[in-house]
Amino acid sequence: GILPEKAVATLCGGIAGGVQGFVLSPLLLLKTRVMTNPVFRENMTLLKTTYLSLTIGLEVARNEGILALMKGSDIFAVKRVFDWSTRYYFSEVFKMMILKYGA
């Protein structure tokens, strides 16, 4: 059978959240590594900051392996699934209430 609109929206939100979690997780881990690195305590140009950030990313990949950037990504993605599923679910609930009872 065909799923109700609310179920489809909730499911799509959860799937999109999980994908987002796996894509963002390595970037957020790298951002944390960069922000906690003492070299970034001084003022520098955007170009130098970008170069040093990429250098840290390459160091992590070289020293710990590329999968080191995926540490914790499974939990992060699961959190995003629940976050986005509930967001889409309640969006649909309130949309239906507004359509039914008026704004």
N, C-alpha and C. Protein backbone atom coordinates (compact mmCIF):
# COMPACT_ATOMS: atom_id res chain seq x y z
N GLY A 1 0.81 -1.18 0.00
CA GLY A 1 0.00 0.00 0.00
C GLY A 1 0.86 1.25 0.00
N ILE A 2 0.18 2.34 -0.15
CA ILE A 2 0.84 3.64 -0.17
C ILE A 2 0.93 4.17 1.26
N LEU A 3 2.09 4.68 1.61
CA LEU A 3 2.29 5.22 2.95
C LEU A 3 1.62 6.59 3.08
N PRO A 4 1.13 6.89 4.27
CA PRO A 4 0.57 8.23 4.50
C PRO A 4 1.66 9.30 4.35
N GLU A 5 1.22 10.51 4.01
CA GLU A 5 2.15 11.62 3.77
C GLU A 5 3.03 11.88 4.99
N LYS A 6 2.46 11.78 6.18
CA LYS A 6 3.22 12.03 7.40
C LYS A 6 4.34 10.99 7.57
N ALA A 7 4.03 9.73 7.26
CA ALA A 7 5.03 8.67 7.37
C ALA A 7 6.14 8.86 6.34
N VAL A 8 5.77 9.24 5.13
CA VAL A 8 6.76 9.46 4.07
C VAL A 8 7.70 10.61 4.46
N ALA A 9 7.12 11.71 4.95
CA ALA A 9 7.93 12.86 5.34
C ALA A 9 8.88 12.49 6.48
N THR A 10 8.36 11.75 7.45
CA THR A 10 9.18 11.33 8.59
C THR A 10 10.31 10.42 8.14
N LEU A 11 9.99 9.46 7.30
CA LEU A 11 11.00 8.53 6.78
C LEU A 11 12.06 9.25 5.96
N CYS A 12 11.62 10.13 5.07
CA CYS A 12 12.57 10.89 4.24
C CYS A 12 13.47 11.78 5.10
N GLY A 13 12.88 12.41 6.10
CA GLY A 13 13.68 13.24 7.01
C GLY A 13 14.74 12.43 7.73
N GLY A 14 14.36 11.23 8.18
CA GLY A 14 15.31 10.37 8.88
C GLY A 14 16.44 9.89 7.98
N ILE A 15 16.09 9.50 6.76
CA ILE A 15 17.11 9.04 5.81
C ILE A 15 18.06 10.18 5.47
N ALA A 16 17.50 11.34 5.19
CA ALA A 16 18.35 12.50 4.87
C ALA A 16 19.24 12.87 6.06
N GLY A 17 18.70 12.78 7.26
CA GLY A 17 19.50 13.06 8.45
C GLY A 17 20.66 12.09 8.62
N GLY A 18 20.40 10.81 8.34
CA GLY A 18 21.47 9.81 8.44
C GLY A 18 22.58 10.06 7.43
N VAL A 19 22.20 10.39 6.21
CA VAL A 19 23.20 10.72 5.18
C VAL A 19 23.99 11.95 5.61
N GLN A 20 23.26 12.96 6.08
CA GLN A 20 23.94 14.17 6.55
C GLN A 20 24.93 13.85 7.66
N GLY A 21 24.54 12.97 8.58
CA GLY A 21 25.43 12.59 9.68
C GLY A 21 26.72 11.96 9.21
N PHE A 22 26.62 11.05 8.23
CA PHE A 22 27.83 10.41 7.72
C PHE A 22 28.70 11.37 6.92
N VAL A 23 28.09 12.33 6.25
CA VAL A 23 28.86 13.30 5.47
C VAL A 23 29.52 14.33 6.38
N LEU A 24 28.77 14.81 7.37
CA LEU A 24 29.29 15.87 8.24
C LEU A 24 30.26 15.38 9.30
N SER A 25 30.10 14.14 9.74
CA SER A 25 30.91 13.64 10.84
C SER A 25 32.41 13.82 10.65
N PRO A 26 33.00 13.40 9.52
CA PRO A 26 34.44 13.60 9.37
C PRO A 26 34.83 15.08 9.33
N LEU A 27 33.96 15.90 8.77
CA LEU A 27 34.27 17.34 8.73
C LEU A 27 34.25 17.94 10.12
N LEU A 28 33.28 17.53 10.95
CA LEU A 28 33.21 18.05 12.31
C LEU A 28 34.37 17.55 13.17
N LEU A 29 34.76 16.29 12.96
CA LEU A 29 35.91 15.76 13.69
C LEU A 29 37.17 16.51 13.30
N LEU A 30 37.34 16.76 12.02
CA LEU A 30 38.49 17.52 11.55
C LEU A 30 38.46 18.95 12.09
N LYS A 31 37.28 19.56 12.13
CA LYS A 31 37.15 20.92 12.67
C LYS A 31 37.58 20.95 14.13
N THR A 32 37.20 19.92 14.89
CA THR A 32 37.59 19.85 16.30
C THR A 32 39.11 19.71 16.42
N ARG A 33 39.69 18.87 15.58
CA ARG A 33 41.15 18.71 15.61
C ARG A 33 41.85 20.03 15.29
N VAL A 34 41.32 20.75 14.32
CA VAL A 34 41.91 22.03 13.92
C VAL A 34 41.77 23.05 15.04
N MET A 35 40.58 23.14 15.61
CA MET A 35 40.31 24.16 16.63
C MET A 35 41.11 23.93 17.91
N THR A 36 41.42 22.67 18.20
CA THR A 36 42.17 22.38 19.42
C THR A 36 43.68 22.40 19.20
N ASN A 37 44.10 22.58 17.96
CA ASN A 37 45.53 22.64 17.66
C ASN A 37 46.06 24.02 18.07
N PRO A 38 47.14 24.05 18.87
CA PRO A 38 47.65 25.32 19.37
C PRO A 38 48.14 26.29 18.28
N VAL A 39 48.46 25.81 17.09
CA VAL A 39 48.96 26.68 16.04
C VAL A 39 47.90 27.71 15.63
N PHE A 40 46.63 27.41 15.88
CA PHE A 40 45.54 28.30 15.47
C PHE A 40 45.20 29.35 16.53
N ARG A 41 46.00 29.47 17.57
CA ARG A 41 45.77 30.47 18.61
C ARG A 41 46.20 31.87 18.15
N GLU A 42 46.99 31.94 17.09
CA GLU A 42 47.46 33.23 16.60
C GLU A 42 46.62 33.68 15.40
N ASN A 43 46.61 34.98 15.14
CA ASN A 43 45.89 35.50 13.97
C ASN A 43 46.68 35.18 12.70
N MET A 44 45.94 34.76 11.67
CA MET A 44 46.59 34.47 10.39
C MET A 44 45.57 34.69 9.28
N THR A 45 46.07 34.72 8.08
CA THR A 45 45.20 34.96 6.92
C THR A 45 44.33 33.74 6.64
N LEU A 46 43.28 33.95 5.88
CA LEU A 46 42.40 32.85 5.50
C LEU A 46 43.16 31.79 4.72
N LEU A 47 44.03 32.22 3.84
CA LEU A 47 44.81 31.28 3.05
C LEU A 47 45.69 30.40 3.93
N LYS A 48 46.37 31.01 4.90
CA LYS A 48 47.24 30.25 5.79
C LYS A 48 46.43 29.30 6.68
N THR A 49 45.30 29.78 7.17
CA THR A 49 44.42 28.94 8.00
C THR A 49 43.94 27.73 7.20
N THR A 50 43.53 27.97 5.97
CA THR A 50 43.05 26.88 5.11
C THR A 50 44.17 25.87 4.85
N TYR A 51 45.34 26.38 4.54
CA TYR A 51 46.48 25.50 4.27
C TYR A 51 46.82 24.64 5.49
N LEU A 52 46.89 25.28 6.66
CA LEU A 52 47.22 24.53 7.88
C LEU A 52 46.11 23.54 8.24
N SER A 53 44.86 23.89 7.99
CA SER A 53 43.76 22.97 8.26
C SER A 53 43.87 21.73 7.39
N LEU A 54 44.16 21.93 6.11
CA LEU A 54 44.33 20.80 5.21
C LEU A 54 45.53 19.95 5.62
N THR A 55 46.59 20.61 6.08
CA THR A 55 47.78 19.88 6.55
C THR A 55 47.43 18.98 7.73
N ILE A 56 46.62 19.50 8.66
CA ILE A 56 46.22 18.69 9.82
C ILE A 56 45.37 17.51 9.36
N GLY A 57 44.46 17.75 8.42
CA GLY A 57 43.64 16.65 7.87
C GLY A 57 44.49 15.57 7.24
N LEU A 58 45.48 15.98 6.47
CA LEU A 58 46.38 15.00 5.84
C LEU A 58 47.22 14.26 6.87
N GLU A 59 47.64 14.97 7.93
CA GLU A 59 48.40 14.32 9.01
C GLU A 59 47.57 13.24 9.69
N VAL A 60 46.32 13.57 9.99
CA VAL A 60 45.43 12.59 10.63
C VAL A 60 45.29 11.37 9.72
N ALA A 61 45.03 11.59 8.45
CA ALA A 61 44.87 10.49 7.50
C ALA A 61 46.15 9.66 7.40
N ARG A 62 47.30 10.33 7.38
CA ARG A 62 48.58 9.63 7.24
C ARG A 62 48.93 8.86 8.51
N ASN A 63 48.76 9.47 9.68
CA ASN A 63 49.19 8.86 10.94
C ASN A 63 48.18 7.85 11.50
N GLU A 64 46.89 8.13 11.32
CA GLU A 64 45.86 7.29 11.93
C GLU A 64 45.03 6.52 10.92
N GLY A 65 45.23 6.82 9.65
CA GLY A 65 44.42 6.18 8.60
C GLY A 65 43.21 7.04 8.28
N ILE A 66 42.74 6.92 7.06
CA ILE A 66 41.63 7.75 6.60
C ILE A 66 40.35 7.46 7.40
N LEU A 67 40.20 6.24 7.89
CA LEU A 67 39.01 5.89 8.66
C LEU A 67 38.98 6.55 10.03
N ALA A 68 40.11 7.12 10.44
CA ALA A 68 40.12 7.85 11.72
C ALA A 68 39.17 9.03 11.67
N LEU A 69 38.96 9.58 10.49
CA LEU A 69 38.02 10.69 10.35
C LEU A 69 36.57 10.24 10.51
N MET A 70 36.33 8.95 10.49
CA MET A 70 34.96 8.43 10.63
C MET A 70 34.65 7.97 12.05
N LYS A 71 35.58 8.19 12.99
CA LYS A 71 35.34 7.78 14.38
C LYS A 71 34.07 8.44 14.91
N GLY A 72 33.18 7.64 15.43
CA GLY A 72 31.96 8.16 16.01
C GLY A 72 30.88 8.54 15.01
N SER A 73 31.15 8.32 13.72
CA SER A 73 30.18 8.73 12.71
C SER A 73 28.88 7.94 12.80
N ASP A 74 28.96 6.68 13.24
CA ASP A 74 27.74 5.88 13.34
C ASP A 74 26.78 6.46 14.37
N ILE A 75 27.29 6.81 15.53
CA ILE A 75 26.44 7.40 16.58
C ILE A 75 25.94 8.76 16.13
N PHE A 76 26.81 9.55 15.52
CA PHE A 76 26.41 10.87 15.04
C PHE A 76 25.30 10.75 14.00
N ALA A 77 25.41 9.79 13.10
CA ALA A 77 24.40 9.60 12.06
C ALA A 77 23.07 9.15 12.68
N VAL A 78 23.13 8.25 13.65
CA VAL A 78 21.90 7.80 14.32
C VAL A 78 21.22 8.96 15.03
N LYS A 79 22.00 9.80 15.67
CA LYS A 79 21.43 10.99 16.31
C LYS A 79 20.74 11.87 15.29
N ARG A 80 21.35 12.04 14.13
CA ARG A 80 20.76 12.85 13.06
C ARG A 80 19.48 12.21 12.52
N VAL A 81 19.44 10.89 12.44
CA VAL A 81 18.23 10.21 11.99
C VAL A 81 17.06 10.56 12.92
N PHE A 82 17.29 10.42 14.23
CA PHE A 82 16.22 10.73 15.18
C PHE A 82 15.88 12.21 15.19
N ASP A 83 16.90 13.05 15.09
CA ASP A 83 16.69 14.50 15.08
C ASP A 83 15.81 14.90 13.90
N TRP A 84 16.20 14.49 12.71
CA TRP A 84 15.46 14.90 11.51
C TRP A 84 14.13 14.19 11.38
N SER A 85 14.04 12.94 11.83
CA SER A 85 12.75 12.24 11.79
C SER A 85 11.72 12.96 12.65
N THR A 86 12.11 13.30 13.87
CA THR A 86 11.17 13.99 14.75
C THR A 86 10.85 15.39 14.22
N ARG A 87 11.83 16.04 13.65
CA ARG A 87 11.60 17.37 13.08
C ARG A 87 10.56 17.30 11.96
N TYR A 88 10.71 16.35 11.06
CA TYR A 88 9.76 16.21 9.95
C TYR A 88 8.40 15.73 10.45
N TYR A 89 8.40 14.82 11.42
CA TYR A 89 7.14 14.32 11.97
C TYR A 89 6.32 15.47 12.57
N PHE A 90 6.96 16.24 13.45
CA PHE A 90 6.21 17.32 14.10
C PHE A 90 5.85 18.42 13.11
N SER A 91 6.65 18.62 12.10
CA SER A 91 6.29 19.57 11.05
C SER A 91 4.99 19.14 10.37
N GLU A 92 4.89 17.85 10.07
CA GLU A 92 3.67 17.33 9.45
C GLU A 92 2.48 17.40 10.41
N VAL A 93 2.69 17.09 11.67
CA VAL A 93 1.61 17.15 12.66
C VAL A 93 1.06 18.57 12.75
N PHE A 94 1.95 19.55 12.87
CA PHE A 94 1.50 20.93 13.00
C PHE A 94 0.90 21.45 11.70
N LYS A 95 1.41 20.99 10.56
CA LYS A 95 0.83 21.38 9.28
C LYS A 95 -0.62 20.89 9.20
N MET A 96 -0.84 19.64 9.59
CA MET A 96 -2.19 19.09 9.56
C MET A 96 -3.12 19.82 10.53
N MET A 97 -2.59 20.17 11.70
CA MET A 97 -3.41 20.92 12.68
C MET A 97 -3.79 22.28 12.14
N ILE A 98 -2.85 22.95 11.53
CA ILE A 98 -3.12 24.29 10.98
C ILE A 98 -4.12 24.21 9.84
N LEU A 99 -3.95 23.20 8.99
CA LEU A 99 -4.90 23.04 7.87
C LEU A 99 -6.31 22.67 8.36
N LYS A 100 -6.36 21.90 9.43
CA LYS A 100 -7.65 21.45 9.95
C LYS A 100 -8.37 22.54 10.76
N TYR A 101 -7.62 23.21 11.64
CA TYR A 101 -8.24 24.18 12.56
C TYR A 101 -8.04 25.62 12.14
N GLY A 102 -7.25 25.86 11.12
CA GLY A 102 -6.99 27.23 10.65
C GLY A 102 -5.83 27.86 11.39
N ALA A 103 -5.31 28.91 10.79
CA ALA A 103 -4.15 29.56 11.37
C ALA A 103 -4.57 30.73 12.24
